[in-house]
Amino acid sequence: MPMAGRTMDPGSEYLFMLCSGLVLFTIGCFLAFNLWGVVDRFTAFLAAQYAQSGRTTPPRGLSVLRLVGALFFLLGGALALTGAVKVF
């Protein structure tokens, strides 16, 4: 990621790191903490897609989505904090 802004200002790669960290942190919050029932709605959508296609096996459990959400939450927080320190 530090190569993102090499053709522009010297500090622009840290601004990119800050913005991408905030996006990952937000996605991680919604997935890890199941805000607004995002995980439940996504698994219901997957189950409907399986039923419509004629498959009988249900989609995998919620633990995988929550694990991915926790990783995004931690990685996004670290990136946002590092980018904010370097920008400001």
N, C-alpha and C. Protein backbone atom coordinates (compact mmCIF):
# COMPACT_ATOMS: atom_id res chain seq x y z
N MET A 1 0.78 -1.20 0.00
CA MET A 1 0.00 0.00 0.00
C MET A 1 0.83 1.27 0.00
N PRO A 2 2.02 1.30 0.57
CA PRO A 2 2.78 2.54 0.51
C PRO A 2 3.14 2.97 -0.91
N MET A 3 2.98 2.11 -1.91
CA MET A 3 3.29 2.48 -3.29
C MET A 3 2.13 3.19 -3.98
N ALA A 4 1.01 3.38 -3.31
CA ALA A 4 -0.19 3.92 -3.95
C ALA A 4 -0.01 5.35 -4.42
N GLY A 5 0.77 6.14 -3.72
CA GLY A 5 0.87 7.54 -4.09
C GLY A 5 2.26 7.97 -4.48
N ARG A 6 3.04 7.12 -5.05
CA ARG A 6 4.42 7.45 -5.38
C ARG A 6 4.54 8.53 -6.45
N THR A 7 3.55 8.69 -7.30
CA THR A 7 3.65 9.68 -8.36
C THR A 7 3.11 11.03 -7.91
N MET A 8 2.51 11.10 -6.72
CA MET A 8 1.93 12.35 -6.24
C MET A 8 2.71 12.84 -5.03
N ASP A 9 2.05 13.48 -4.11
CA ASP A 9 2.71 14.02 -2.92
C ASP A 9 3.34 12.91 -2.10
N PRO A 10 4.38 13.22 -1.36
CA PRO A 10 5.02 12.19 -0.54
C PRO A 10 4.11 11.62 0.54
N GLY A 11 3.16 12.38 1.05
CA GLY A 11 2.29 11.90 2.12
C GLY A 11 0.99 11.29 1.65
N SER A 12 0.78 11.21 0.34
CA SER A 12 -0.51 10.74 -0.15
C SER A 12 -0.71 9.24 0.08
N GLU A 13 0.37 8.46 0.18
CA GLU A 13 0.19 7.04 0.44
C GLU A 13 -0.37 6.82 1.84
N TYR A 14 -0.06 7.72 2.76
CA TYR A 14 -0.60 7.58 4.11
C TYR A 14 -2.07 8.01 4.16
N LEU A 15 -2.45 8.94 3.31
CA LEU A 15 -3.86 9.30 3.21
C LEU A 15 -4.66 8.14 2.63
N PHE A 16 -4.10 7.45 1.65
CA PHE A 16 -4.74 6.25 1.11
C PHE A 16 -4.84 5.18 2.18
N MET A 17 -3.80 5.04 3.00
CA MET A 17 -3.81 4.06 4.08
C MET A 17 -4.89 4.40 5.11
N LEU A 18 -5.06 5.67 5.40
CA LEU A 18 -6.08 6.12 6.33
C LEU A 18 -7.48 5.82 5.79
N CYS A 19 -7.72 6.15 4.53
CA CYS A 19 -9.05 5.94 3.93
C CYS A 19 -9.38 4.45 3.80
N SER A 20 -8.43 3.66 3.34
CA SER A 20 -8.70 2.23 3.21
C SER A 20 -8.86 1.58 4.58
N GLY A 21 -8.15 2.05 5.57
CA GLY A 21 -8.32 1.55 6.93
C GLY A 21 -9.70 1.85 7.48
N LEU A 22 -10.21 3.04 7.21
CA LEU A 22 -11.56 3.38 7.66
C LEU A 22 -12.62 2.53 6.98
N VAL A 23 -12.43 2.25 5.69
CA VAL A 23 -13.39 1.40 4.97
C VAL A 23 -13.35 -0.02 5.53
N LEU A 24 -12.17 -0.59 5.71
CA LEU A 24 -12.05 -1.94 6.27
C LEU A 24 -12.60 -2.00 7.69
N PHE A 25 -12.35 -0.97 8.48
CA PHE A 25 -12.84 -0.92 9.85
C PHE A 25 -14.37 -0.91 9.87
N THR A 26 -14.98 -0.14 8.98
CA THR A 26 -16.44 -0.07 8.92
C THR A 26 -17.04 -1.41 8.49
N ILE A 27 -16.49 -2.02 7.47
CA ILE A 27 -16.98 -3.34 7.03
C ILE A 27 -16.81 -4.36 8.14
N GLY A 28 -15.67 -4.31 8.81
CA GLY A 28 -15.43 -5.23 9.92
C GLY A 28 -16.40 -5.05 11.07
N CYS A 29 -16.76 -3.80 11.36
CA CYS A 29 -17.75 -3.55 12.42
C CYS A 29 -19.09 -4.17 12.07
N PHE A 30 -19.53 -3.99 10.83
CA PHE A 30 -20.83 -4.52 10.44
C PHE A 30 -20.84 -6.05 10.45
N LEU A 31 -19.75 -6.68 10.04
CA LEU A 31 -19.71 -8.14 10.00
C LEU A 31 -19.44 -8.76 11.37
N ALA A 32 -18.50 -8.22 12.12
CA ALA A 32 -18.12 -8.83 13.39
C ALA A 32 -19.19 -8.66 14.46
N PHE A 33 -19.83 -7.51 14.49
CA PHE A 33 -20.81 -7.23 15.53
C PHE A 33 -22.25 -7.40 15.06
N ASN A 34 -22.44 -7.81 13.80
CA ASN A 34 -23.76 -8.05 13.22
C ASN A 34 -24.66 -6.83 13.35
N LEU A 35 -24.12 -5.66 13.03
CA LEU A 35 -24.91 -4.44 13.07
C LEU A 35 -25.99 -4.47 12.00
N TRP A 36 -27.17 -4.07 12.36
CA TRP A 36 -28.35 -4.03 11.50
C TRP A 36 -28.68 -5.40 10.91
N GLY A 37 -28.18 -6.47 11.50
CA GLY A 37 -28.48 -7.82 11.02
C GLY A 37 -27.88 -8.14 9.67
N VAL A 38 -26.73 -7.55 9.37
CA VAL A 38 -26.09 -7.73 8.07
C VAL A 38 -25.75 -9.20 7.82
N VAL A 39 -25.17 -9.86 8.80
CA VAL A 39 -24.76 -11.26 8.63
C VAL A 39 -25.98 -12.15 8.46
N ASP A 40 -27.02 -11.90 9.26
CA ASP A 40 -28.24 -12.71 9.16
C ASP A 40 -28.91 -12.55 7.80
N ARG A 41 -28.96 -11.31 7.31
CA ARG A 41 -29.57 -11.09 6.00
C ARG A 41 -28.74 -11.70 4.88
N PHE A 42 -27.42 -11.66 5.01
CA PHE A 42 -26.57 -12.24 3.97
C PHE A 42 -26.71 -13.76 3.93
N THR A 43 -26.75 -14.41 5.09
CA THR A 43 -26.93 -15.86 5.09
C THR A 43 -28.32 -16.25 4.62
N ALA A 44 -29.35 -15.43 4.92
CA ALA A 44 -30.69 -15.70 4.39
C ALA A 44 -30.70 -15.56 2.87
N PHE A 45 -29.97 -14.59 2.35
CA PHE A 45 -29.85 -14.42 0.90
C PHE A 45 -29.17 -15.64 0.27
N LEU A 46 -28.10 -16.12 0.90
CA LEU A 46 -27.41 -17.30 0.38
C LEU A 46 -28.31 -18.54 0.42
N ALA A 47 -29.08 -18.68 1.49
CA ALA A 47 -29.99 -19.82 1.58
C ALA A 47 -31.06 -19.75 0.50
N ALA A 48 -31.56 -18.56 0.20
CA ALA A 48 -32.55 -18.39 -0.86
C ALA A 48 -31.95 -18.71 -2.22
N GLN A 49 -30.70 -18.33 -2.43
CA GLN A 49 -30.03 -18.64 -3.69
C GLN A 49 -29.83 -20.14 -3.85
N TYR A 50 -29.48 -20.82 -2.77
CA TYR A 50 -29.33 -22.28 -2.82
C TYR A 50 -30.66 -22.95 -3.13
N ALA A 51 -31.72 -22.47 -2.49
CA ALA A 51 -33.03 -23.07 -2.73
C ALA A 51 -33.50 -22.84 -4.15
N GLN A 52 -33.23 -21.66 -4.69
CA GLN A 52 -33.66 -21.33 -6.05
C GLN A 52 -32.89 -22.14 -7.09
N SER A 53 -31.64 -22.44 -6.82
CA SER A 53 -30.84 -23.18 -7.79
C SER A 53 -31.06 -24.69 -7.70
N GLY A 54 -31.79 -25.15 -6.70
CA GLY A 54 -32.09 -26.57 -6.58
C GLY A 54 -31.11 -27.36 -5.74
N ARG A 55 -30.13 -26.72 -5.15
CA ARG A 55 -29.18 -27.41 -4.28
C ARG A 55 -29.81 -27.65 -2.92
N THR A 56 -29.41 -28.70 -2.29
CA THR A 56 -29.99 -29.03 -0.99
C THR A 56 -29.07 -28.72 0.18
N THR A 57 -27.80 -28.48 -0.07
CA THR A 57 -26.89 -28.21 1.03
C THR A 57 -27.02 -26.74 1.45
N PRO A 58 -27.14 -26.48 2.73
CA PRO A 58 -27.25 -25.10 3.20
C PRO A 58 -25.90 -24.40 3.16
N PRO A 59 -25.88 -23.09 3.16
CA PRO A 59 -24.61 -22.36 3.19
C PRO A 59 -23.91 -22.56 4.53
N ARG A 60 -22.64 -22.22 4.57
CA ARG A 60 -21.85 -22.40 5.80
C ARG A 60 -22.36 -21.47 6.90
N GLY A 61 -21.93 -21.73 8.10
CA GLY A 61 -22.40 -20.99 9.27
C GLY A 61 -21.92 -19.55 9.32
N LEU A 62 -22.34 -18.90 10.37
CA LEU A 62 -22.03 -17.49 10.54
C LEU A 62 -20.61 -17.26 11.06
N SER A 63 -19.98 -18.30 11.56
CA SER A 63 -18.68 -18.11 12.18
C SER A 63 -17.62 -17.64 11.19
N VAL A 64 -17.71 -18.06 9.95
CA VAL A 64 -16.73 -17.63 8.94
C VAL A 64 -16.87 -16.13 8.67
N LEU A 65 -18.11 -15.65 8.54
CA LEU A 65 -18.31 -14.22 8.30
C LEU A 65 -17.87 -13.38 9.50
N ARG A 66 -18.12 -13.88 10.68
CA ARG A 66 -17.71 -13.13 11.87
C ARG A 66 -16.19 -13.13 12.02
N LEU A 67 -15.53 -14.21 11.62
CA LEU A 67 -14.07 -14.26 11.67
C LEU A 67 -13.48 -13.27 10.66
N VAL A 68 -14.03 -13.25 9.47
CA VAL A 68 -13.56 -12.28 8.46
C VAL A 68 -13.82 -10.86 8.94
N GLY A 69 -14.97 -10.64 9.56
CA GLY A 69 -15.28 -9.32 10.10
C GLY A 69 -14.32 -8.91 11.19
N ALA A 70 -13.94 -9.84 12.05
CA ALA A 70 -12.98 -9.52 13.11
C ALA A 70 -11.61 -9.18 12.53
N LEU A 71 -11.21 -9.90 11.49
CA LEU A 71 -9.93 -9.59 10.84
C LEU A 71 -9.96 -8.22 10.17
N PHE A 72 -11.05 -7.91 9.47
CA PHE A 72 -11.20 -6.59 8.86
C PHE A 72 -11.21 -5.50 9.93
N PHE A 73 -11.88 -5.76 11.04
CA PHE A 73 -11.96 -4.81 12.14
C PHE A 73 -10.57 -4.49 12.68
N LEU A 74 -9.78 -5.51 12.95
CA LEU A 74 -8.43 -5.29 13.51
C LEU A 74 -7.48 -4.68 12.49
N LEU A 75 -7.50 -5.21 11.26
CA LEU A 75 -6.61 -4.69 10.23
C LEU A 75 -6.97 -3.25 9.85
N GLY A 76 -8.25 -2.98 9.71
CA GLY A 76 -8.69 -1.63 9.38
C GLY A 76 -8.37 -0.63 10.46
N GLY A 77 -8.53 -1.04 11.72
CA GLY A 77 -8.17 -0.14 12.81
C GLY A 77 -6.69 0.18 12.83
N ALA A 78 -5.87 -0.83 12.60
CA ALA A 78 -4.42 -0.62 12.58
C ALA A 78 -4.01 0.27 11.41
N LEU A 79 -4.59 0.02 10.24
CA LEU A 79 -4.26 0.86 9.07
C LEU A 79 -4.72 2.30 9.27
N ALA A 80 -5.92 2.48 9.80
CA ALA A 80 -6.44 3.83 10.01
C ALA A 80 -5.61 4.58 11.04
N LEU A 81 -5.22 3.91 12.10
CA LEU A 81 -4.40 4.54 13.13
C LEU A 81 -3.02 4.91 12.60
N THR A 82 -2.41 4.01 11.87
CA THR A 82 -1.09 4.29 11.29
C THR A 82 -1.17 5.43 10.27
N GLY A 83 -2.18 5.40 9.41
CA GLY A 83 -2.35 6.47 8.44
C GLY A 83 -2.62 7.80 9.07
N ALA A 84 -3.43 7.81 10.13
CA ALA A 84 -3.73 9.07 10.82
C ALA A 84 -2.51 9.65 11.49
N VAL A 85 -1.70 8.80 12.09
CA VAL A 85 -0.46 9.29 12.74
C VAL A 85 0.48 9.90 11.71
N LYS A 86 0.60 9.26 10.56
CA LYS A 86 1.54 9.76 9.53
C LYS A 86 0.99 11.01 8.83
N VAL A 87 -0.33 11.09 8.65
CA VAL A 87 -0.90 12.26 7.96
C VAL A 87 -0.90 13.48 8.87
N PHE A 88 -1.30 13.29 10.11
CA PHE A 88 -1.44 14.45 11.01
C PHE A 88 -0.20 14.62 11.86
